[in-house]
Amino acid sequence: MKNQNAAKTLKKSLVTAVSLFALSTPAYALGGDDLESRVSALESKLDLILEKLETTETSITAEQAATLMEANTLLKEAVATANSVPANQTAVVQIPTATPVAMTATAPQPAAPATKGFAMGDTQVSFSGFVKLDASVTDFDSGELPTNSLGRDFYIPGTIPVGGEGTGPVFDFNPRETRFIFGMNSNRGGHDIGGKIELDFQVTNDGNERVSNSFSPRMRQAYLTFDKWLIGQTWSTFQDVAALPDNLDFIGPTEGTVFERQPMIRYKNGPIEIAIEQPETEITTSTGARLLPGDDPLPDLTARYTNKGDWGHMTVAGIVRNLKMEEDLVSGAKEDTALGYGISLAGKLKVGHKDDFRYMLTAGEGIGRYVGVNIVNDAAVDTNGELETIGTLSGFASYRHFWNDSLRSNLTAGYFKADNPVAFTGSGVTDEVYSVHANLIYQIAPKLDVGVEYIYANRELESGIDGAMNKIQFSAKYGF
């Protein structure tokens, strides 16, 4: 018969059974606290056993059930004995040798999940990541990008050429998204302590395509965790990474995405996260040049609330920034400050059995460097040499559909609009960007995907000059 009800009824008995198999001697000396901790650990393992039992057909006789119930009674008495002993003494718990209980399964048992990593003392170390190769054909209709340009490796809206003549399609191989991740976890002094170091080979500029195609690893994330605290570099709290689309391109609908990694100190309590993060004011001068004053006296303040359920998840995130510059004789800027702020709604909604809908909508003033890989800057310098914030509106929507267990597709659209103070920035800055992405991904084996993706993107300046990109990308990715 189906074993769901039987497994739940005999839960306490199974705890005893696991305990008896673990203790191979007739007498085992345990302190009360030690005994309870071992029982707690066994109960955790039991959850995995029950999960397997509930998915299999298992027969159990009345005699076997009685044996388990009797063992359960013995364990209760043992725990009671341990708890009655003063804390500075040791209880000697007599546990009789158990006779293994035979259980005849009529369906094959699933293999236990593999455990990544290894132990170093009291620290569990894990290693994971993926190997990926992209092959792309890209055509810019209003100019060209040189070899080794990041805009040819993946979609960066701000690099789309405008106002020129296209030179035809270009072909590129790109293995630089390949990634490796080290994780560390331990419990010391009653505290959960962990860390993460993540590296890949993107955006480094020391390699070339002439001889070796060698690229140095670069740090993506490096942080430590202490209970509810995170200290180090990771994704901005203003960004919902879990909402990113399932695209072959490195980012996907870049212009509609909050995308920022930086150092921070973050506190998390349930669904609420609050952080202070790396500040960096970026200013557009009257010539359209980018100015980085480096005068920021206060960190950026971010917060996020996440609501999860069987339906998926949604987040609401906010940011407040203190933009500042000191006097700059070259640009004519005076010492001034301005308030930057923004709000972002994002999430993933489950549709049907496996499909999902992902989205992000972000609006704000003075948050240019957080959106679309810095399509526009945070502020401009007006005629009085003071800061004028730049407004932005951006977002994306993406639908993922599974044709069967191995084949899936994603249709994605992204959009960005800037409210530039043109009188101060000039008309050579980006005004609007949009893109459409469609792909087909086939899973050859677990964690091994191959796919093809088409991207169309258009970038327009405040002057009305625009340029488009057509790109076809082929990818193979193996995760480990």
Foldseek 3Di string as FASTA:
>chain_A
DQCLVVLVVLLLLVLLLVVLVVDADQKDKAALVRLVVVSVVSSVVSVVVSVQSNVFDKDDDPVLSVLSVVSSVLVVVQNVQNVVDDRVDIGIRGHGRDDDRDMDTPDDTDDDDDDAADDDPQKGKGKWWKWKKKKKKKWWAADDDDPPDLCVQFPFPLPRDWHHGIDHIDIDMDRFQTKMKMKMWGADPNKTKIKMWMKTFPPADPADDPPDRDGDIDTAWTWMDIHQKIWTKDWDQQFDPVQQDPDPGPRPQQQQGQGDIFTWIWGDDPQKIKIFTADWAWEFFQVQDIDTQVPAPGTKIKMKGKDQDPFWIKMKMKIKGKHWHDQDPVRRAHTEIDIKMKMKIWIWTDDPDRKIKTKMKMWIWQPQCRGSNRLDGQFYQDPNNYTDTKIKIWMKMKIKDDPDPFKIKMKMKIKMAIRDPCNGNPQAGWGIKMKIKIKMWGHPDVQWIKIKMWMKMKIATSVGIIMIMIMIMIMIMHID
